[in-house]
Amino acid sequence: MKASELREMSEEQLRATLHETKEHLFRLRIQSQTERLDAPSELRKQRKLIARIMTLQGERARAAAAAERGA
């Protein structure tokens, strides 16, 4: 998922996507410990997606705080 797609999402959708991605990463980690992964690169992709979502949430929080101070 690209950053531009994430920016179009609402805050609620971002939270849901973050939750699903964290669960998926957890399942991948368990699978990597118990059996062979089909695509080991999927672990990195999920971590990067989590980072993108959290960065976007932080940007939005800072923008909201700046708007409150400015108003």
N, C-alpha and C. Protein backbone atom coordinates (compact mmCIF):
# COMPACT_ATOMS: atom_id res chain seq x y z
N MET A 1 0.85 -1.17 0.00
CA MET A 1 0.00 0.00 0.00
C MET A 1 0.90 1.24 0.00
N LYS A 2 0.58 2.17 -0.86
CA LYS A 2 1.39 3.36 -1.00
C LYS A 2 0.97 4.43 0.00
N ALA A 3 1.88 5.36 0.25
CA ALA A 3 1.61 6.45 1.19
C ALA A 3 0.44 7.30 0.69
N SER A 4 0.33 7.49 -0.61
CA SER A 4 -0.77 8.29 -1.15
C SER A 4 -2.12 7.63 -0.86
N GLU A 5 -2.16 6.31 -0.92
CA GLU A 5 -3.39 5.59 -0.59
C GLU A 5 -3.72 5.75 0.89
N LEU A 6 -2.69 5.72 1.73
CA LEU A 6 -2.91 5.86 3.16
C LEU A 6 -3.41 7.27 3.50
N ARG A 7 -2.89 8.28 2.81
CA ARG A 7 -3.29 9.66 3.08
C ARG A 7 -4.77 9.90 2.78
N GLU A 8 -5.32 9.12 1.87
CA GLU A 8 -6.73 9.27 1.50
C GLU A 8 -7.67 8.64 2.53
N MET A 9 -7.12 7.82 3.42
CA MET A 9 -7.94 7.12 4.41
C MET A 9 -8.30 8.03 5.57
N SER A 10 -9.44 7.71 6.19
CA SER A 10 -9.83 8.44 7.40
C SER A 10 -9.02 7.90 8.57
N GLU A 11 -9.10 8.60 9.69
CA GLU A 11 -8.35 8.18 10.88
C GLU A 11 -8.80 6.80 11.35
N GLU A 12 -10.10 6.54 11.27
CA GLU A 12 -10.64 5.24 11.69
C GLU A 12 -10.13 4.13 10.77
N GLN A 13 -10.09 4.38 9.48
CA GLN A 13 -9.58 3.39 8.55
C GLN A 13 -8.10 3.12 8.78
N LEU A 14 -7.35 4.17 9.10
CA LEU A 14 -5.92 4.00 9.40
C LEU A 14 -5.73 3.13 10.63
N ARG A 15 -6.52 3.39 11.67
CA ARG A 15 -6.41 2.58 12.89
C ARG A 15 -6.70 1.12 12.60
N ALA A 16 -7.76 0.87 11.81
CA ALA A 16 -8.12 -0.51 11.48
C ALA A 16 -7.03 -1.18 10.65
N THR A 17 -6.47 -0.46 9.69
CA THR A 17 -5.40 -1.00 8.86
C THR A 17 -4.16 -1.29 9.70
N LEU A 18 -3.85 -0.40 10.61
CA LEU A 18 -2.70 -0.61 11.50
C LEU A 18 -2.90 -1.86 12.34
N HIS A 19 -4.08 -2.02 12.90
CA HIS A 19 -4.38 -3.19 13.73
C HIS A 19 -4.25 -4.48 12.92
N GLU A 20 -4.83 -4.49 11.72
CA GLU A 20 -4.76 -5.68 10.86
C GLU A 20 -3.31 -5.99 10.47
N THR A 21 -2.55 -4.96 10.16
CA THR A 21 -1.17 -5.16 9.75
C THR A 21 -0.33 -5.70 10.88
N LYS A 22 -0.54 -5.19 12.09
CA LYS A 22 0.20 -5.70 13.25
C LYS A 22 -0.14 -7.17 13.51
N GLU A 23 -1.42 -7.53 13.36
CA GLU A 23 -1.81 -8.93 13.54
C GLU A 23 -1.16 -9.81 12.48
N HIS A 24 -1.16 -9.33 11.24
CA HIS A 24 -0.56 -10.09 10.16
C HIS A 24 0.95 -10.28 10.40
N LEU A 25 1.63 -9.23 10.84
CA LEU A 25 3.05 -9.33 11.14
C LEU A 25 3.29 -10.34 12.27
N PHE A 26 2.44 -10.33 13.28
CA PHE A 26 2.57 -11.28 14.38
C PHE A 26 2.45 -12.71 13.87
N ARG A 27 1.44 -12.96 13.01
CA ARG A 27 1.26 -14.30 12.46
C ARG A 27 2.46 -14.71 11.61
N LEU A 28 3.00 -13.77 10.85
CA LEU A 28 4.18 -14.07 10.03
C LEU A 28 5.39 -14.41 10.90
N ARG A 29 5.56 -13.69 11.99
CA ARG A 29 6.68 -13.97 12.89
C ARG A 29 6.56 -15.36 13.51
N ILE A 30 5.35 -15.71 13.93
CA ILE A 30 5.12 -17.05 14.49
C ILE A 30 5.40 -18.10 13.42
N GLN A 31 4.90 -17.87 12.22
CA GLN A 31 5.12 -18.81 11.13
C GLN A 31 6.60 -18.94 10.79
N SER A 32 7.33 -17.84 10.85
CA SER A 32 8.76 -17.91 10.54
C SER A 32 9.52 -18.73 11.57
N GLN A 33 9.02 -18.76 12.79
CA GLN A 33 9.69 -19.54 13.84
C GLN A 33 9.32 -21.02 13.77
N THR A 34 8.12 -21.32 13.30
CA THR A 34 7.65 -22.71 13.33
C THR A 34 7.82 -23.42 12.00
N GLU A 35 7.82 -22.69 10.90
CA GLU A 35 7.96 -23.31 9.59
C GLU A 35 8.61 -22.33 8.63
N ARG A 36 8.81 -22.78 7.43
CA ARG A 36 9.47 -21.95 6.42
C ARG A 36 8.46 -21.00 5.79
N LEU A 37 8.85 -19.73 5.67
CA LEU A 37 7.99 -18.73 5.04
C LEU A 37 8.08 -18.83 3.52
N ASP A 38 6.95 -18.61 2.85
CA ASP A 38 6.95 -18.59 1.38
C ASP A 38 7.68 -17.35 0.88
N ALA A 39 7.44 -16.23 1.54
CA ALA A 39 8.05 -14.96 1.13
C ALA A 39 8.60 -14.23 2.36
N PRO A 40 9.86 -14.46 2.69
CA PRO A 40 10.44 -13.79 3.85
C PRO A 40 10.42 -12.27 3.74
N SER A 41 10.38 -11.75 2.52
CA SER A 41 10.33 -10.30 2.33
C SER A 41 9.02 -9.70 2.84
N GLU A 42 8.02 -10.53 3.05
CA GLU A 42 6.73 -10.05 3.55
C GLU A 42 6.88 -9.45 4.95
N LEU A 43 7.80 -9.97 5.75
CA LEU A 43 8.04 -9.41 7.08
C LEU A 43 8.46 -7.94 6.96
N ARG A 44 9.40 -7.66 6.08
CA ARG A 44 9.88 -6.29 5.90
C ARG A 44 8.77 -5.39 5.36
N LYS A 45 7.98 -5.90 4.43
CA LYS A 45 6.89 -5.11 3.86
C LYS A 45 5.88 -4.70 4.94
N GLN A 46 5.57 -5.63 5.83
CA GLN A 46 4.59 -5.34 6.88
C GLN A 46 5.16 -4.33 7.88
N ARG A 47 6.44 -4.46 8.23
CA ARG A 47 7.06 -3.50 9.14
C ARG A 47 7.07 -2.10 8.54
N LYS A 48 7.37 -2.01 7.25
CA LYS A 48 7.40 -0.72 6.58
C LYS A 48 6.01 -0.10 6.51
N LEU A 49 5.00 -0.93 6.27
CA LEU A 49 3.63 -0.42 6.23
C LEU A 49 3.22 0.13 7.59
N ILE A 50 3.57 -0.59 8.66
CA ILE A 50 3.28 -0.12 10.01
C ILE A 50 3.96 1.23 10.25
N ALA A 51 5.20 1.35 9.83
CA ALA A 51 5.93 2.61 10.00
C ALA A 51 5.28 3.74 9.22
N ARG A 52 4.83 3.46 7.99
CA ARG A 52 4.16 4.49 7.19
C ARG A 52 2.89 4.98 7.87
N ILE A 53 2.10 4.03 8.38
CA ILE A 53 0.84 4.40 9.02
C ILE A 53 1.10 5.23 10.27
N MET A 54 2.07 4.79 11.09
CA MET A 54 2.36 5.51 12.32
C MET A 54 2.93 6.90 12.02
N THR A 55 3.71 7.02 10.97
CA THR A 55 4.25 8.33 10.58
C THR A 55 3.11 9.25 10.16
N LEU A 56 2.19 8.74 9.37
CA LEU A 56 1.06 9.54 8.93
C LEU A 56 0.18 9.96 10.11
N GLN A 57 -0.03 9.06 11.06
CA GLN A 57 -0.81 9.41 12.24
C GLN A 57 -0.11 10.51 13.04
N GLY A 58 1.21 10.43 13.14
CA GLY A 58 1.97 11.45 13.85
C GLY A 58 1.88 12.80 13.15
N GLU A 59 1.96 12.78 11.82
CA GLU A 59 1.84 14.02 11.05
C GLU A 59 0.49 14.67 11.30
N ARG A 60 -0.55 13.84 11.27
CA ARG A 60 -1.91 14.37 11.48
C ARG A 60 -2.07 14.92 12.90
N ALA A 61 -1.49 14.24 13.87
CA ALA A 61 -1.59 14.70 15.26
C ALA A 61 -0.87 16.03 15.43
N ARG A 62 0.32 16.15 14.83
CA ARG A 62 1.06 17.41 14.93
C ARG A 62 0.33 18.54 14.21
N ALA A 63 -0.29 18.23 13.07
CA ALA A 63 -1.04 19.26 12.33
C ALA A 63 -2.25 19.72 13.14
N ALA A 64 -2.91 18.78 13.81
CA ALA A 64 -4.07 19.13 14.63
C ALA A 64 -3.65 19.99 15.82
N ALA A 65 -2.52 19.64 16.43
CA ALA A 65 -2.02 20.41 17.57
C ALA A 65 -1.62 21.81 17.13
N ALA A 66 -1.01 21.93 15.97
CA ALA A 66 -0.61 23.24 15.46
C ALA A 66 -1.84 24.09 15.13
N ALA A 67 -2.89 23.44 14.63
CA ALA A 67 -4.12 24.17 14.29
C ALA A 67 -4.79 24.68 15.57
N GLU A 68 -4.73 23.88 16.64
CA GLU A 68 -5.32 24.29 17.90
C GLU A 68 -4.57 25.48 18.50
N ARG A 69 -3.25 25.44 18.41
CA ARG A 69 -2.45 26.55 18.94
C ARG A 69 -2.65 27.81 18.12
N GLY A 70 -2.80 27.65 16.82
CA GLY A 70 -2.96 28.79 15.94
C GLY A 70 -4.34 29.40 16.01
N ALA A 71 -5.32 28.64 16.41
CA ALA A 71 -6.71 29.14 16.43
C ALA A 71 -7.03 29.91 17.67
